[in-house]
Protein backbone atom coordinates (compact mmCIF):
# COMPACT_ATOMS: atom_id res chain seq x y z
CA MET A 1 -23.16 3.97 46.34
CA THR A 2 -20.54 4.71 43.57
CA ALA A 3 -20.86 3.63 39.81
CA LYS A 4 -18.09 1.06 38.59
CA PRO A 5 -16.29 3.28 36.57
CA ARG A 6 -16.88 2.07 32.52
CA ARG A 7 -14.01 -0.48 31.29
CA ALA A 8 -11.65 0.72 28.26
CA THR A 9 -11.84 -2.31 26.47
CA TYR A 10 -15.67 -2.85 26.45
CA ARG A 11 -17.72 -2.44 23.34
CA HIS A 12 -15.78 -0.17 21.66
CA GLY A 13 -16.98 1.95 18.76
CA ASN A 14 -15.88 1.18 15.26
CA LEU A 15 -13.14 -1.84 15.98
CA ARG A 16 -12.70 -3.04 12.77
CA ALA A 17 -11.53 1.21 11.44
CA ASP A 18 -9.76 1.60 15.04
CA ALA A 19 -7.94 -1.70 14.47
CA LEU A 20 -6.66 -0.57 10.88
CA LYS A 21 -5.61 2.67 11.99
CA ALA A 22 -3.37 1.17 14.77
CA ALA A 23 -2.37 -1.30 12.28
CA THR A 24 -1.64 1.04 9.75
CA ARG A 25 0.33 3.11 12.55
CA LEU A 26 2.75 0.14 13.79
CA VAL A 27 3.51 -1.50 10.15
CA ALA A 28 4.68 2.25 9.58
CA GLU A 29 6.56 1.79 12.50
CA HIS A 30 7.67 -1.33 13.18
CA GLY A 31 7.05 -2.95 9.37
CA HIS A 32 4.67 -5.64 8.90
CA GLU A 33 6.61 -8.89 9.88
CA ARG A 34 5.85 -8.66 13.19
CA LEU A 35 2.74 -6.85 13.50
CA SER A 36 0.60 -9.48 15.88
CA LEU A 37 -3.16 -9.05 16.41
CA ARG A 38 -2.62 -8.84 20.18
CA GLU A 39 -0.56 -6.35 20.09
CA VAL A 40 -3.38 -4.30 17.45
CA ALA A 41 -5.50 -5.48 20.16
CA GLU A 42 -3.68 -3.64 22.79
CA GLU A 43 -3.54 -1.04 20.95
CA VAL A 44 -7.02 -0.28 20.59
CA GLY A 45 -8.15 -1.33 24.33
CA VAL A 46 -9.63 -5.02 23.40
CA ALA A 47 -8.93 -8.66 24.01
CA HIS A 48 -7.06 -9.82 20.42
CA ARG A 49 -10.02 -12.29 20.34
CA SER A 50 -12.42 -9.69 19.39
CA LEU A 51 -10.24 -8.98 16.44
CA TYR A 52 -11.22 -12.18 15.08
CA ASN A 53 -14.76 -11.29 14.49
CA HIS A 54 -13.29 -8.53 12.33
CA PHE A 55 -9.92 -10.35 10.86
CA VAL A 56 -9.91 -14.12 9.98
CA HIS A 57 -6.34 -14.07 10.95
CA ARG A 58 -3.33 -11.64 11.21
CA GLU A 59 -3.20 -12.32 7.02
CA ALA A 60 -6.63 -10.66 6.72
CA LEU A 61 -5.51 -7.74 8.78
CA LEU A 62 -2.30 -7.22 6.73
CA ASP A 63 -4.71 -7.23 3.70
CA ALA A 64 -6.68 -4.56 4.55
CA VAL A 65 -4.07 -2.33 6.14
CA ALA A 66 -2.29 -2.89 2.38
CA THR A 67 -6.28 -2.24 0.55
CA GLU A 68 -5.98 1.01 2.57
CA ALA A 69 -3.06 1.74 1.68
CA TYR A 70 -3.56 1.22 -2.24
CA LEU A 71 -6.70 3.58 -1.98
CA ARG A 72 -4.22 5.98 -1.04
CA LEU A 73 -1.83 5.60 -3.77
CA ALA A 74 -4.24 5.06 -6.34
CA ALA A 75 -6.22 8.96 -4.90
CA SER A 76 -2.49 10.18 -5.41
CA VAL A 77 -1.79 8.87 -8.88
CA ALA A 78 -5.27 9.60 -10.01
CA LYS A 79 -4.03 13.31 -9.64
CA ALA A 80 -1.48 12.44 -12.41
CA ARG A 81 -1.84 14.37 -15.86
CA THR A 82 1.93 12.85 -17.57
CA PRO A 83 4.13 10.05 -17.33
CA GLU A 84 6.24 12.51 -14.89
CA ASP A 85 4.04 13.19 -12.40
CA TYR A 86 3.04 9.59 -12.24
CA THR A 87 5.65 8.24 -11.51
CA ALA A 88 6.71 11.08 -8.66
CA ARG A 89 3.72 10.51 -7.20
CA TYR A 90 4.27 6.67 -7.00
CA VAL A 91 8.01 7.32 -6.09
CA ARG A 92 6.96 10.05 -3.39
CA PHE A 93 4.22 7.69 -1.71
CA ALA A 94 6.62 5.12 -1.95
CA LEU A 95 9.68 6.69 -0.01
CA ALA A 96 7.51 8.75 2.09
CA ASN A 97 5.51 5.40 3.25
CA ARG A 98 8.16 2.87 3.32
CA ALA A 99 7.49 -0.14 5.60
CA LEU A 100 3.43 0.61 4.10
CA TYR A 101 4.75 0.24 0.56
CA ALA A 102 6.69 -2.93 1.55
CA LEU A 103 3.89 -4.39 2.90
CA MET A 104 1.73 -3.49 -0.21
CA THR A 105 4.56 -5.59 -2.58
CA SER A 106 4.24 -8.37 -0.04
CA ARG A 107 0.96 -9.33 -0.74
CA PRO A 108 1.05 -12.41 -3.46
CA HIS A 109 -0.52 -11.47 -6.73
CA ALA A 110 -2.09 -15.09 -7.20
CA THR A 111 -4.26 -14.98 -4.11
CA MET A 112 -5.79 -11.64 -4.60
CA LYS A 113 -8.69 -13.33 -6.61
CA HIS A 114 -9.91 -14.42 -2.97
CA ASN A 115 -9.77 -10.47 -1.59
CA PRO A 116 -11.86 -8.57 -3.96
CA PRO A 117 -11.29 -5.61 -1.77
CA LEU A 118 -7.39 -6.30 -2.12
CA GLN A 119 -7.83 -7.07 -5.62
CA SER A 120 -9.97 -3.95 -6.78
CA ALA A 121 -7.39 -1.51 -4.83
CA VAL A 122 -4.94 -2.88 -6.39
CA HIS A 123 -6.25 -2.60 -10.02
CA LYS A 124 -6.94 1.02 -9.15
CA VAL A 125 -3.53 1.72 -9.22
CA ILE A 126 -2.88 -0.27 -12.34
CA SER A 127 -5.70 1.43 -14.19
CA GLU A 128 -4.11 4.74 -13.60
CA ALA A 129 -0.90 3.66 -15.27
CA MET A 130 -3.16 2.23 -18.38
CA ARG A 131 -4.29 5.64 -18.23
CA ILE A 132 -1.23 7.75 -18.16
CA PHE A 133 1.49 5.17 -19.45
CA ALA A 134 -0.77 3.23 -22.45
CA ARG A 135 -3.41 5.41 -23.99
CA ASP A 136 -2.14 5.29 -27.04
CA ILE A 137 -1.33 1.73 -27.24
CA GLU A 138 -4.14 -1.11 -29.21
CA SER A 139 -3.72 -4.29 -28.10
CA SER A 140 -4.32 -5.07 -24.95
CA ALA A 141 -1.25 -7.79 -24.36
CA ALA A 142 1.28 -4.45 -25.48
CA ARG A 143 -0.75 -2.00 -22.94
CA ARG A 144 -0.37 -4.75 -19.85
CA ARG A 145 3.46 -5.28 -20.97
CA ALA A 146 4.15 -1.48 -21.02
CA VAL A 147 2.55 -0.72 -17.43
CA MET A 148 4.42 -3.92 -16.22
CA LYS A 149 7.41 -2.22 -17.51
CA VAL A 150 6.51 0.43 -15.56
CA TYR A 151 5.91 -1.30 -12.72
CA ILE A 152 9.14 -3.16 -12.83
CA THR A 153 10.84 -0.03 -13.46
CA LEU A 154 9.40 1.66 -10.34
CA TYR A 155 9.59 -1.17 -8.38
CA GLY A 156 13.40 -2.01 -8.74
CA GLY A 157 14.54 1.65 -8.89
CA ILE A 158 12.64 2.25 -5.55
CA SER A 159 13.68 -0.63 -4.20
CA LEU A 160 17.27 -0.26 -5.10
CA TYR A 161 17.13 3.14 -4.13
CA ALA A 162 15.96 2.39 -0.21
CA ALA A 163 18.87 0.22 0.20
CA GLY A 164 21.61 2.58 -0.89
CA VAL A 165 22.29 0.48 -4.08
CA LEU A 166 21.47 2.90 -6.64
CA ASP A 167 23.99 5.61 -7.23
CA GLN A 168 21.22 8.53 -7.10
CA PRO A 169 21.98 11.64 -5.11
CA SER A 170 18.22 12.14 -4.39
CA GLU A 171 14.27 11.58 -4.66
CA LYS A 172 13.82 14.63 -6.95
CA ALA A 173 17.68 12.90 -9.15
CA LEU A 174 15.61 8.98 -8.23
CA ILE A 175 12.56 10.85 -10.06
CA ALA A 176 14.03 12.04 -13.08
CA GLU A 177 15.98 8.66 -13.67
CA LEU A 178 13.22 6.89 -13.64
CA SER A 179 10.70 9.07 -15.38
CA ALA A 180 13.30 9.31 -18.22
CA MET A 181 13.46 5.19 -18.58
CA ASN A 182 9.62 5.33 -18.47
CA ALA A 183 9.64 7.64 -21.24
CA LYS A 184 11.01 5.30 -23.23
CA LEU A 185 8.47 2.73 -23.34
C-alpha cells in the first residue's frame, strides 16, 4: 500500500507571512488596483477562503502590504543624517518601488486610526522627518507644517517625475532639486 502524497495546499506553514510576501510581489509587478485575494491564495497554494482567517478583506491585505512597505521606508530614512540624505533615501525608495509607493500613498489617512499597525508604520516615517527637518523648530504646529511641506514636495516631485511631466534628466537631478526645495523650509 502506497501512502497518499501530501496536498500542497494542506496546513500551510505561516500563511499570513507567505500571503504578505506574495501580495507584495504581485503589487510590485502589477500594481495594487487589480490585486485579489484569489490571486494571492493561488500564489501561496491555499484556498482563497483560508486568507480570510488572516485578512478580513482585500483592503486589509493591502493595508498589511502598505504597513510592511512603510516599515521598510522608515528603516531606510532612519539612517539619514541630513535633509539631503533623507530626501535621497525617500526618493530612491519611491522610485525603486513605484507600485508599492503608489499603494502606500493610496491608503486614506482618515481611516488609519482604525488600523494601528499601519498608523504606527506611517508615524515612524513621519518621526524620522521630524528628526531631520524640524529639530530646531519649537512650535509643534510649525514642526507639523514643515514636515507637511516636505511630504508635499516629495510626493509632488516624485509623482511628476514618474509621470514624465517633471523635466529632470535623472533621479540624481530630481533628488538635488527636491533637496534644494526642502532646504528652504
